[in-house]
ModelCIF file with pLDDT and N, C-alpha, C, O atoms, coordinates in Angstrom:
data_MODEL
#
_entry.id   MODEL 
#
_entity.id                         1 
_entity.type                       polymer 
_entity.pdbx_number_of_molecules   1 
#
_entity_poly.entity_id                      1 
_entity_poly.type                           'polypeptide(L)' 
_entity_poly.nstd_linkage                   no 
_entity_poly.nstd_monomer                   no 
_entity_poly.pdbx_seq_one_letter_code       KKIAKREGKSESQIREEMEKAIMIGSLNKETRHKWDSLFGSGRLP 
_entity_poly.pdbx_seq_one_letter_code_can   KKIAKREGKSESQIREEMEKAIMIGSLNKETRHKWDSLFGSGRLP 
_entity_poly.pdbx_strand_id                 A 
#
loop_
_entity_poly_seq.entity_id 
_entity_poly_seq.num 
_entity_poly_seq.mon_id 
_entity_poly_seq.hetero 
1 1  LYS n 
1 2  LYS n 
1 3  ILE n 
1 4  ALA n 
1 5  LYS n 
1 6  ARG n 
1 7  GLU n 
1 8  GLY n 
1 9  LYS n 
1 10 SER n 
1 11 GLU n 
1 12 SER n 
1 13 GLN n 
1 14 ILE n 
1 15 ARG n 
1 16 GLU n 
1 17 GLU n 
1 18 MET n 
1 19 GLU n 
1 20 LYS n 
1 21 ALA n 
1 22 ILE n 
1 23 MET n 
1 24 ILE n 
1 25 GLY n 
1 26 SER n 
1 27 LEU n 
1 28 ASN n 
1 29 LYS n 
1 30 GLU n 
1 31 THR n 
1 32 ARG n 
1 33 HIS n 
1 34 LYS n 
1 35 TRP n 
1 36 ASP n 
1 37 SER n 
1 38 LEU n 
1 39 PHE n 
1 40 GLY n 
1 41 SER n 
1 42 GLY n 
1 43 ARG n 
1 44 LEU n 
1 45 PRO n 
#
_struct_asym.id          A 
_struct_asym.entity_id   1 
#
loop_
_ma_qa_metric.id 
_ma_qa_metric.mode 
_ma_qa_metric.name 
_ma_qa_metric.software_group_id 
_ma_qa_metric.type 
1 global pLDDT . pLDDT 
2 local  pLDDT . pLDDT 
#
_ma_qa_metric_global.metric_id      1 
_ma_qa_metric_global.metric_value   95.00 
_ma_qa_metric_global.model_id       1 
_ma_qa_metric_global.ordinal_id     1 
#
loop_
_ma_qa_metric_local.label_asym_id 
_ma_qa_metric_local.label_comp_id 
_ma_qa_metric_local.label_seq_id 
_ma_qa_metric_local.metric_id 
_ma_qa_metric_local.metric_value 
_ma_qa_metric_local.model_id 
_ma_qa_metric_local.ordinal_id 
A LYS 1  2 97.00 1 1  
A LYS 2  2 97.00 1 2  
A ILE 3  2 97.00 1 3  
A ALA 4  2 98.00 1 4  
A LYS 5  2 98.00 1 5  
A ARG 6  2 98.00 1 6  
A GLU 7  2 98.00 1 7  
A GLY 8  2 98.00 1 8  
A LYS 9  2 98.00 1 9  
A SER 10 2 98.00 1 10 
A GLU 11 2 97.00 1 11 
A SER 12 2 97.00 1 12 
A GLN 13 2 98.00 1 13 
A ILE 14 2 98.00 1 14 
A ARG 15 2 97.00 1 15 
A GLU 16 2 98.00 1 16 
A GLU 17 2 98.00 1 17 
A MET 18 2 98.00 1 18 
A GLU 19 2 97.00 1 19 
A LYS 20 2 97.00 1 20 
A ALA 21 2 96.00 1 21 
A ILE 22 2 95.00 1 22 
A MET 23 2 94.00 1 23 
A ILE 24 2 94.00 1 24 
A GLY 25 2 92.00 1 25 
A SER 26 2 92.00 1 26 
A LEU 27 2 93.00 1 27 
A ASN 28 2 93.00 1 28 
A LYS 29 2 93.00 1 29 
A GLU 30 2 94.00 1 30 
A THR 31 2 90.00 1 31 
A ARG 32 2 91.00 1 32 
A HIS 33 2 92.00 1 33 
A LYS 34 2 92.00 1 34 
A TRP 35 2 92.00 1 35 
A ASP 36 2 94.00 1 36 
A SER 37 2 94.00 1 37 
A LEU 38 2 94.00 1 38 
A PHE 39 2 94.00 1 39 
A GLY 40 2 93.00 1 40 
A SER 41 2 92.00 1 41 
A GLY 42 2 87.00 1 42 
A ARG 43 2 92.00 1 43 
A LEU 44 2 94.00 1 44 
A PRO 45 2 96.00 1 45 
#
loop_
_atom_site.group_PDB 
_atom_site.id 
_atom_site.type_symbol 
_atom_site.label_atom_id 
_atom_site.label_alt_id 
_atom_site.label_comp_id 
_atom_site.label_asym_id 
_atom_site.label_entity_id 
_atom_site.label_seq_id 
_atom_site.pdbx_PDB_ins_code 
_atom_site.Cartn_x 
_atom_site.Cartn_y 
_atom_site.Cartn_z 
_atom_site.occupancy 
_atom_site.B_iso_or_equiv 
_atom_site.pdbx_formal_charge 
_atom_site.auth_seq_id 
_atom_site.auth_comp_id 
_atom_site.auth_asym_id 
_atom_site.auth_atom_id 
_atom_site.pdbx_PDB_model_num 
ATOM 1   N N  . LYS A 1 1  ? 150.424 -251.392 -161.887 1.00 97.00 ? 1  LYS A N  1 
ATOM 2   C CA . LYS A 1 1  ? 150.274 -249.359 -161.710 1.00 97.00 ? 1  LYS A CA 1 
ATOM 3   C C  . LYS A 1 1  ? 151.630 -248.925 -161.415 1.00 97.00 ? 1  LYS A C  1 
ATOM 4   O O  . LYS A 1 1  ? 152.227 -248.005 -161.975 1.00 97.00 ? 1  LYS A O  1 
ATOM 5   N N  . LYS A 1 2  ? 152.228 -249.971 -160.112 1.00 97.00 ? 2  LYS A N  1 
ATOM 6   C CA . LYS A 1 2  ? 153.322 -249.259 -159.536 1.00 97.00 ? 2  LYS A CA 1 
ATOM 7   C C  . LYS A 1 2  ? 154.601 -249.272 -160.622 1.00 97.00 ? 2  LYS A C  1 
ATOM 8   O O  . LYS A 1 2  ? 155.364 -248.348 -160.902 1.00 97.00 ? 2  LYS A O  1 
ATOM 9   N N  . ILE A 1 3  ? 154.563 -250.707 -161.158 1.00 97.00 ? 3  ILE A N  1 
ATOM 10  C CA . ILE A 1 3  ? 155.881 -250.840 -162.269 1.00 97.00 ? 3  ILE A CA 1 
ATOM 11  C C  . ILE A 1 3  ? 155.527 -250.278 -162.942 1.00 97.00 ? 3  ILE A C  1 
ATOM 12  O O  . ILE A 1 3  ? 156.527 -249.578 -163.104 1.00 97.00 ? 3  ILE A O  1 
ATOM 13  N N  . ALA A 1 4  ? 154.511 -249.727 -163.915 1.00 98.00 ? 4  ALA A N  1 
ATOM 14  C CA . ALA A 1 4  ? 154.400 -248.581 -165.452 1.00 98.00 ? 4  ALA A CA 1 
ATOM 15  C C  . ALA A 1 4  ? 155.382 -247.833 -164.419 1.00 98.00 ? 4  ALA A C  1 
ATOM 16  O O  . ALA A 1 4  ? 156.517 -248.307 -164.475 1.00 98.00 ? 4  ALA A O  1 
ATOM 17  N N  . LYS A 1 5  ? 155.265 -246.982 -163.662 1.00 98.00 ? 5  LYS A N  1 
ATOM 18  C CA . LYS A 1 5  ? 155.712 -245.734 -162.801 1.00 98.00 ? 5  LYS A CA 1 
ATOM 19  C C  . LYS A 1 5  ? 155.980 -245.879 -163.016 1.00 98.00 ? 5  LYS A C  1 
ATOM 20  O O  . LYS A 1 5  ? 156.034 -245.349 -164.126 1.00 98.00 ? 5  LYS A O  1 
ATOM 21  N N  . ARG A 1 6  ? 157.292 -247.317 -162.685 1.00 98.00 ? 6  ARG A N  1 
ATOM 22  C CA . ARG A 1 6  ? 159.120 -247.071 -161.765 1.00 98.00 ? 6  ARG A CA 1 
ATOM 23  C C  . ARG A 1 6  ? 159.246 -247.619 -162.981 1.00 98.00 ? 6  ARG A C  1 
ATOM 24  O O  . ARG A 1 6  ? 160.385 -248.080 -162.899 1.00 98.00 ? 6  ARG A O  1 
ATOM 25  N N  . GLU A 1 7  ? 158.607 -248.055 -164.739 1.00 98.00 ? 7  GLU A N  1 
ATOM 26  C CA . GLU A 1 7  ? 159.502 -248.568 -165.161 1.00 98.00 ? 7  GLU A CA 1 
ATOM 27  C C  . GLU A 1 7  ? 159.590 -246.845 -166.860 1.00 98.00 ? 7  GLU A C  1 
ATOM 28  O O  . GLU A 1 7  ? 160.271 -246.351 -167.758 1.00 98.00 ? 7  GLU A O  1 
ATOM 29  N N  . GLY A 1 8  ? 158.092 -246.771 -165.991 1.00 98.00 ? 8  GLY A N  1 
ATOM 30  C CA . GLY A 1 8  ? 157.101 -245.498 -167.170 1.00 98.00 ? 8  GLY A CA 1 
ATOM 31  C C  . GLY A 1 8  ? 157.454 -246.056 -168.275 1.00 98.00 ? 8  GLY A C  1 
ATOM 32  O O  . GLY A 1 8  ? 158.499 -246.052 -168.926 1.00 98.00 ? 8  GLY A O  1 
ATOM 33  N N  . LYS A 1 9  ? 156.118 -246.690 -168.441 1.00 98.00 ? 9  LYS A N  1 
ATOM 34  C CA . LYS A 1 9  ? 155.837 -247.645 -169.464 1.00 98.00 ? 9  LYS A CA 1 
ATOM 35  C C  . LYS A 1 9  ? 153.896 -247.183 -168.674 1.00 98.00 ? 9  LYS A C  1 
ATOM 36  O O  . LYS A 1 9  ? 153.402 -246.862 -167.593 1.00 98.00 ? 9  LYS A O  1 
ATOM 37  N N  . SER A 1 10 ? 153.506 -247.422 -169.949 1.00 98.00 ? 10 SER A N  1 
ATOM 38  C CA . SER A 1 10 ? 151.678 -248.046 -170.078 1.00 98.00 ? 10 SER A CA 1 
ATOM 39  C C  . SER A 1 10 ? 151.553 -248.256 -168.327 1.00 98.00 ? 10 SER A C  1 
ATOM 40  O O  . SER A 1 10 ? 151.998 -247.644 -167.356 1.00 98.00 ? 10 SER A O  1 
ATOM 41  N N  . GLU A 1 11 ? 150.818 -249.295 -168.500 1.00 97.00 ? 11 GLU A N  1 
ATOM 42  C CA . GLU A 1 11 ? 150.178 -249.802 -167.745 1.00 97.00 ? 11 GLU A CA 1 
ATOM 43  C C  . GLU A 1 11 ? 149.939 -251.092 -167.884 1.00 97.00 ? 11 GLU A C  1 
ATOM 44  O O  . GLU A 1 11 ? 150.273 -251.997 -167.119 1.00 97.00 ? 11 GLU A O  1 
ATOM 45  N N  . SER A 1 12 ? 148.853 -251.215 -169.722 1.00 97.00 ? 12 SER A N  1 
ATOM 46  C CA . SER A 1 12 ? 149.258 -251.668 -170.697 1.00 97.00 ? 12 SER A CA 1 
ATOM 47  C C  . SER A 1 12 ? 150.253 -252.437 -171.367 1.00 97.00 ? 12 SER A C  1 
ATOM 48  O O  . SER A 1 12 ? 150.018 -253.511 -171.920 1.00 97.00 ? 12 SER A O  1 
ATOM 49  N N  . GLN A 1 13 ? 152.085 -251.520 -171.279 1.00 98.00 ? 13 GLN A N  1 
ATOM 50  C CA . GLN A 1 13 ? 152.600 -252.403 -171.799 1.00 98.00 ? 13 GLN A CA 1 
ATOM 51  C C  . GLN A 1 13 ? 152.950 -253.057 -170.925 1.00 98.00 ? 13 GLN A C  1 
ATOM 52  O O  . GLN A 1 13 ? 153.366 -254.127 -171.371 1.00 98.00 ? 13 GLN A O  1 
ATOM 53  N N  . ILE A 1 14 ? 153.069 -252.957 -169.020 1.00 98.00 ? 14 ILE A N  1 
ATOM 54  C CA . ILE A 1 14 ? 153.029 -253.763 -168.818 1.00 98.00 ? 14 ILE A CA 1 
ATOM 55  C C  . ILE A 1 14 ? 152.515 -255.099 -168.824 1.00 98.00 ? 14 ILE A C  1 
ATOM 56  O O  . ILE A 1 14 ? 153.025 -256.204 -168.640 1.00 98.00 ? 14 ILE A O  1 
ATOM 57  N N  . ARG A 1 15 ? 151.301 -254.667 -169.099 1.00 97.00 ? 15 ARG A N  1 
ATOM 58  C CA . ARG A 1 15 ? 150.877 -256.206 -168.407 1.00 97.00 ? 15 ARG A CA 1 
ATOM 59  C C  . ARG A 1 15 ? 150.733 -256.100 -170.505 1.00 97.00 ? 15 ARG A C  1 
ATOM 60  O O  . ARG A 1 15 ? 149.681 -255.462 -170.543 1.00 97.00 ? 15 ARG A O  1 
ATOM 61  N N  . GLU A 1 16 ? 150.982 -256.243 -171.491 1.00 98.00 ? 16 GLU A N  1 
ATOM 62  C CA . GLU A 1 16 ? 151.169 -256.805 -172.570 1.00 98.00 ? 16 GLU A CA 1 
ATOM 63  C C  . GLU A 1 16 ? 152.414 -258.273 -172.510 1.00 98.00 ? 16 GLU A C  1 
ATOM 64  O O  . GLU A 1 16 ? 152.317 -259.480 -172.732 1.00 98.00 ? 16 GLU A O  1 
ATOM 65  N N  . GLU A 1 17 ? 153.829 -257.100 -171.975 1.00 98.00 ? 17 GLU A N  1 
ATOM 66  C CA . GLU A 1 17 ? 154.746 -257.582 -171.258 1.00 98.00 ? 17 GLU A CA 1 
ATOM 67  C C  . GLU A 1 17 ? 154.636 -258.749 -170.356 1.00 98.00 ? 17 GLU A C  1 
ATOM 68  O O  . GLU A 1 17 ? 155.352 -259.738 -170.198 1.00 98.00 ? 17 GLU A O  1 
ATOM 69  N N  . MET A 1 18 ? 153.424 -258.311 -169.754 1.00 98.00 ? 18 MET A N  1 
ATOM 70  C CA . MET A 1 18 ? 153.550 -259.652 -168.162 1.00 98.00 ? 18 MET A CA 1 
ATOM 71  C C  . MET A 1 18 ? 152.591 -261.056 -169.338 1.00 98.00 ? 18 MET A C  1 
ATOM 72  O O  . MET A 1 18 ? 152.217 -262.226 -169.258 1.00 98.00 ? 18 MET A O  1 
ATOM 73  N N  . GLU A 1 19 ? 152.592 -260.495 -169.820 1.00 97.00 ? 19 GLU A N  1 
ATOM 74  C CA . GLU A 1 19 ? 151.419 -261.852 -170.869 1.00 97.00 ? 19 GLU A CA 1 
ATOM 75  C C  . GLU A 1 19 ? 152.136 -262.506 -172.327 1.00 97.00 ? 19 GLU A C  1 
ATOM 76  O O  . GLU A 1 19 ? 151.736 -263.464 -172.987 1.00 97.00 ? 19 GLU A O  1 
ATOM 77  N N  . LYS A 1 20 ? 153.223 -261.708 -172.543 1.00 97.00 ? 20 LYS A N  1 
ATOM 78  C CA . LYS A 1 20 ? 154.678 -262.593 -173.289 1.00 97.00 ? 20 LYS A CA 1 
ATOM 79  C C  . LYS A 1 20 ? 155.292 -263.694 -172.221 1.00 97.00 ? 20 LYS A C  1 
ATOM 80  O O  . LYS A 1 20 ? 155.534 -264.896 -172.322 1.00 97.00 ? 20 LYS A O  1 
ATOM 81  N N  . ALA A 1 21 ? 155.406 -262.912 -171.351 1.00 96.00 ? 21 ALA A N  1 
ATOM 82  C CA . ALA A 1 21 ? 156.626 -263.792 -170.122 1.00 96.00 ? 21 ALA A CA 1 
ATOM 83  C C  . ALA A 1 21 ? 155.555 -265.240 -169.358 1.00 96.00 ? 21 ALA A C  1 
ATOM 84  O O  . ALA A 1 21 ? 156.040 -266.317 -169.012 1.00 96.00 ? 21 ALA A O  1 
ATOM 85  N N  . ILE A 1 22 ? 154.530 -264.986 -169.283 1.00 95.00 ? 22 ILE A N  1 
ATOM 86  C CA . ILE A 1 22 ? 153.216 -266.434 -169.049 1.00 95.00 ? 22 ILE A CA 1 
ATOM 87  C C  . ILE A 1 22 ? 152.930 -266.769 -170.565 1.00 95.00 ? 22 ILE A C  1 
ATOM 88  O O  . ILE A 1 22 ? 152.844 -267.990 -170.693 1.00 95.00 ? 22 ILE A O  1 
ATOM 89  N N  . MET A 1 23 ? 152.824 -266.367 -171.279 1.00 94.00 ? 23 MET A N  1 
ATOM 90  C CA . MET A 1 23 ? 153.104 -267.412 -172.963 1.00 94.00 ? 23 MET A CA 1 
ATOM 91  C C  . MET A 1 23 ? 155.114 -268.788 -172.330 1.00 94.00 ? 23 MET A C  1 
ATOM 92  O O  . MET A 1 23 ? 155.557 -269.863 -171.927 1.00 94.00 ? 23 MET A O  1 
ATOM 93  N N  . ILE A 1 24 ? 155.339 -267.570 -172.727 1.00 94.00 ? 24 ILE A N  1 
ATOM 94  C CA . ILE A 1 24 ? 156.761 -268.121 -172.770 1.00 94.00 ? 24 ILE A CA 1 
ATOM 95  C C  . ILE A 1 24 ? 156.502 -269.346 -171.133 1.00 94.00 ? 24 ILE A C  1 
ATOM 96  O O  . ILE A 1 24 ? 155.735 -270.291 -171.320 1.00 94.00 ? 24 ILE A O  1 
ATOM 97  N N  . GLY A 1 25 ? 157.171 -269.212 -169.675 1.00 92.00 ? 25 GLY A N  1 
ATOM 98  C CA . GLY A 1 25 ? 157.146 -269.490 -168.961 1.00 92.00 ? 25 GLY A CA 1 
ATOM 99  C C  . GLY A 1 25 ? 156.489 -270.973 -168.785 1.00 92.00 ? 25 GLY A C  1 
ATOM 100 O O  . GLY A 1 25 ? 156.894 -272.027 -168.296 1.00 92.00 ? 25 GLY A O  1 
ATOM 101 N N  . SER A 1 26 ? 154.836 -270.394 -169.652 1.00 92.00 ? 26 SER A N  1 
ATOM 102 C CA . SER A 1 26 ? 153.676 -272.147 -169.148 1.00 92.00 ? 26 SER A CA 1 
ATOM 103 C C  . SER A 1 26 ? 153.745 -273.424 -170.424 1.00 92.00 ? 26 SER A C  1 
ATOM 104 O O  . SER A 1 26 ? 153.239 -274.535 -170.578 1.00 92.00 ? 26 SER A O  1 
ATOM 105 N N  . LEU A 1 27 ? 155.119 -272.110 -171.558 1.00 93.00 ? 27 LEU A N  1 
ATOM 106 C CA . LEU A 1 27 ? 155.901 -272.966 -172.267 1.00 93.00 ? 27 LEU A CA 1 
ATOM 107 C C  . LEU A 1 27 ? 156.212 -273.698 -171.970 1.00 93.00 ? 27 LEU A C  1 
ATOM 108 O O  . LEU A 1 27 ? 155.749 -274.680 -172.550 1.00 93.00 ? 27 LEU A O  1 
ATOM 109 N N  . ASN A 1 28 ? 157.168 -273.974 -170.925 1.00 93.00 ? 28 ASN A N  1 
ATOM 110 C CA . ASN A 1 28 ? 158.147 -274.570 -170.519 1.00 93.00 ? 28 ASN A CA 1 
ATOM 111 C C  . ASN A 1 28 ? 157.591 -275.820 -170.075 1.00 93.00 ? 28 ASN A C  1 
ATOM 112 O O  . ASN A 1 28 ? 156.688 -275.692 -169.249 1.00 93.00 ? 28 ASN A O  1 
ATOM 113 N N  . LYS A 1 29 ? 158.107 -277.843 -170.644 1.00 93.00 ? 29 LYS A N  1 
ATOM 114 C CA . LYS A 1 29 ? 157.652 -278.190 -170.458 1.00 93.00 ? 29 LYS A CA 1 
ATOM 115 C C  . LYS A 1 29 ? 158.479 -278.759 -169.175 1.00 93.00 ? 29 LYS A C  1 
ATOM 116 O O  . LYS A 1 29 ? 157.921 -279.573 -168.439 1.00 93.00 ? 29 LYS A O  1 
ATOM 117 N N  . GLU A 1 30 ? 159.651 -278.380 -168.939 1.00 94.00 ? 30 GLU A N  1 
ATOM 118 C CA . GLU A 1 30 ? 159.766 -278.868 -167.340 1.00 94.00 ? 30 GLU A CA 1 
ATOM 119 C C  . GLU A 1 30 ? 158.800 -278.451 -165.935 1.00 94.00 ? 30 GLU A C  1 
ATOM 120 O O  . GLU A 1 30 ? 158.428 -279.190 -165.023 1.00 94.00 ? 30 GLU A O  1 
ATOM 121 N N  . THR A 1 31 ? 158.470 -276.466 -166.218 1.00 90.00 ? 31 THR A N  1 
ATOM 122 C CA . THR A 1 31 ? 157.414 -276.142 -165.158 1.00 90.00 ? 31 THR A CA 1 
ATOM 123 C C  . THR A 1 31 ? 155.951 -276.767 -165.387 1.00 90.00 ? 31 THR A C  1 
ATOM 124 O O  . THR A 1 31 ? 155.052 -276.656 -164.554 1.00 90.00 ? 31 THR A O  1 
ATOM 125 N N  . ARG A 1 32 ? 155.850 -277.282 -166.329 1.00 91.00 ? 32 ARG A N  1 
ATOM 126 C CA . ARG A 1 32 ? 154.115 -277.057 -166.962 1.00 91.00 ? 32 ARG A CA 1 
ATOM 127 C C  . ARG A 1 32 ? 152.846 -277.941 -166.050 1.00 91.00 ? 32 ARG A C  1 
ATOM 128 O O  . ARG A 1 32 ? 151.733 -277.561 -165.687 1.00 91.00 ? 32 ARG A O  1 
ATOM 129 N N  . HIS A 1 33 ? 153.056 -278.333 -165.997 1.00 92.00 ? 33 HIS A N  1 
ATOM 130 C CA . HIS A 1 33 ? 153.022 -279.496 -164.347 1.00 92.00 ? 33 HIS A CA 1 
ATOM 131 C C  . HIS A 1 33 ? 153.101 -278.167 -162.803 1.00 92.00 ? 33 HIS A C  1 
ATOM 132 O O  . HIS A 1 33 ? 152.294 -277.717 -161.991 1.00 92.00 ? 33 HIS A O  1 
ATOM 133 N N  . LYS A 1 34 ? 153.366 -278.136 -162.858 1.00 92.00 ? 34 LYS A N  1 
ATOM 134 C CA . LYS A 1 34 ? 153.062 -276.601 -161.696 1.00 92.00 ? 34 LYS A CA 1 
ATOM 135 C C  . LYS A 1 34 ? 152.101 -275.206 -162.578 1.00 92.00 ? 34 LYS A C  1 
ATOM 136 O O  . LYS A 1 34 ? 151.133 -274.646 -162.064 1.00 92.00 ? 34 LYS A O  1 
ATOM 137 N N  . TRP A 1 35 ? 152.471 -274.988 -163.491 1.00 92.00 ? 35 TRP A N  1 
ATOM 138 C CA . TRP A 1 35 ? 151.313 -274.737 -164.028 1.00 92.00 ? 35 TRP A CA 1 
ATOM 139 C C  . TRP A 1 35 ? 149.739 -274.561 -164.165 1.00 92.00 ? 35 TRP A C  1 
ATOM 140 O O  . TRP A 1 35 ? 149.034 -273.587 -163.900 1.00 92.00 ? 35 TRP A O  1 
ATOM 141 N N  . ASP A 1 36 ? 149.324 -276.177 -164.809 1.00 94.00 ? 36 ASP A N  1 
ATOM 142 C CA . ASP A 1 36 ? 148.342 -276.490 -164.406 1.00 94.00 ? 36 ASP A CA 1 
ATOM 143 C C  . ASP A 1 36 ? 147.834 -276.713 -163.222 1.00 94.00 ? 36 ASP A C  1 
ATOM 144 O O  . ASP A 1 36 ? 146.684 -276.623 -162.792 1.00 94.00 ? 36 ASP A O  1 
ATOM 145 N N  . SER A 1 37 ? 149.109 -277.102 -162.614 1.00 94.00 ? 37 SER A N  1 
ATOM 146 C CA . SER A 1 37 ? 148.214 -277.120 -160.600 1.00 94.00 ? 37 SER A CA 1 
ATOM 147 C C  . SER A 1 37 ? 147.646 -275.791 -159.905 1.00 94.00 ? 37 SER A C  1 
ATOM 148 O O  . SER A 1 37 ? 146.716 -275.583 -159.125 1.00 94.00 ? 37 SER A O  1 
ATOM 149 N N  . LEU A 1 38 ? 148.550 -275.032 -160.488 1.00 94.00 ? 38 LEU A N  1 
ATOM 150 C CA . LEU A 1 38 ? 148.513 -272.974 -159.747 1.00 94.00 ? 38 LEU A CA 1 
ATOM 151 C C  . LEU A 1 38 ? 147.429 -272.980 -160.854 1.00 94.00 ? 38 LEU A C  1 
ATOM 152 O O  . LEU A 1 38 ? 146.493 -273.069 -160.059 1.00 94.00 ? 38 LEU A O  1 
ATOM 153 N N  . PHE A 1 39 ? 146.950 -272.962 -161.795 1.00 94.00 ? 39 PHE A N  1 
ATOM 154 C CA . PHE A 1 39 ? 145.612 -272.285 -162.512 1.00 94.00 ? 39 PHE A CA 1 
ATOM 155 C C  . PHE A 1 39 ? 145.005 -272.808 -163.688 1.00 94.00 ? 39 PHE A C  1 
ATOM 156 O O  . PHE A 1 39 ? 143.927 -272.457 -164.168 1.00 94.00 ? 39 PHE A O  1 
ATOM 157 N N  . GLY A 1 40 ? 145.982 -273.895 -164.217 1.00 93.00 ? 40 GLY A N  1 
ATOM 158 C CA . GLY A 1 40 ? 144.431 -275.294 -164.432 1.00 93.00 ? 40 GLY A CA 1 
ATOM 159 C C  . GLY A 1 40 ? 145.274 -276.206 -165.427 1.00 93.00 ? 40 GLY A C  1 
ATOM 160 O O  . GLY A 1 40 ? 146.456 -276.534 -165.326 1.00 93.00 ? 40 GLY A O  1 
ATOM 161 N N  . SER A 1 41 ? 144.326 -276.537 -166.441 1.00 92.00 ? 41 SER A N  1 
ATOM 162 C CA . SER A 1 41 ? 145.242 -277.196 -167.672 1.00 92.00 ? 41 SER A CA 1 
ATOM 163 C C  . SER A 1 41 ? 145.667 -276.508 -169.400 1.00 92.00 ? 41 SER A C  1 
ATOM 164 O O  . SER A 1 41 ? 145.038 -276.132 -170.388 1.00 92.00 ? 41 SER A O  1 
ATOM 165 N N  . GLY A 1 42 ? 146.222 -276.561 -169.239 1.00 87.00 ? 42 GLY A N  1 
ATOM 166 C CA . GLY A 1 42 ? 146.490 -275.490 -170.211 1.00 87.00 ? 42 GLY A CA 1 
ATOM 167 C C  . GLY A 1 42 ? 145.722 -274.220 -169.875 1.00 87.00 ? 42 GLY A C  1 
ATOM 168 O O  . GLY A 1 42 ? 144.535 -274.254 -170.202 1.00 87.00 ? 42 GLY A O  1 
ATOM 169 N N  . ARG A 1 43 ? 145.943 -273.650 -169.575 1.00 92.00 ? 43 ARG A N  1 
ATOM 170 C CA . ARG A 1 43 ? 144.536 -272.558 -168.894 1.00 92.00 ? 43 ARG A CA 1 
ATOM 171 C C  . ARG A 1 43 ? 146.079 -270.963 -168.756 1.00 92.00 ? 43 ARG A C  1 
ATOM 172 O O  . ARG A 1 43 ? 147.013 -270.967 -167.954 1.00 92.00 ? 43 ARG A O  1 
ATOM 173 N N  . LEU A 1 44 ? 145.820 -270.005 -169.691 1.00 94.00 ? 44 LEU A N  1 
ATOM 174 C CA . LEU A 1 44 ? 146.923 -268.618 -168.840 1.00 94.00 ? 44 LEU A CA 1 
ATOM 175 C C  . LEU A 1 44 ? 146.344 -268.694 -168.163 1.00 94.00 ? 44 LEU A C  1 
ATOM 176 O O  . LEU A 1 44 ? 145.533 -269.577 -167.883 1.00 94.00 ? 44 LEU A O  1 
ATOM 177 N N  . PRO A 1 45 ? 146.826 -266.955 -167.282 1.00 96.00 ? 45 PRO A N  1 
ATOM 178 C CA . PRO A 1 45 ? 146.534 -266.933 -166.484 1.00 96.00 ? 45 PRO A CA 1 
ATOM 179 C C  . PRO A 1 45 ? 146.153 -265.480 -167.060 1.00 96.00 ? 45 PRO A C  1 
ATOM 180 O O  . PRO A 1 45 ? 145.571 -264.665 -166.344 1.00 96.00 ? 45 PRO A O  1 
#
């Protein structure tokens, strides 16, 4: 909510941007093991 207010965007826009960034980050082969250890194998938070 605070990020949305600061950026002048809606909360849903911020969530969409975060979801895209999470997807991109999770696809990084170099850090995939860390994602799996934090959130579960193949699972997107």
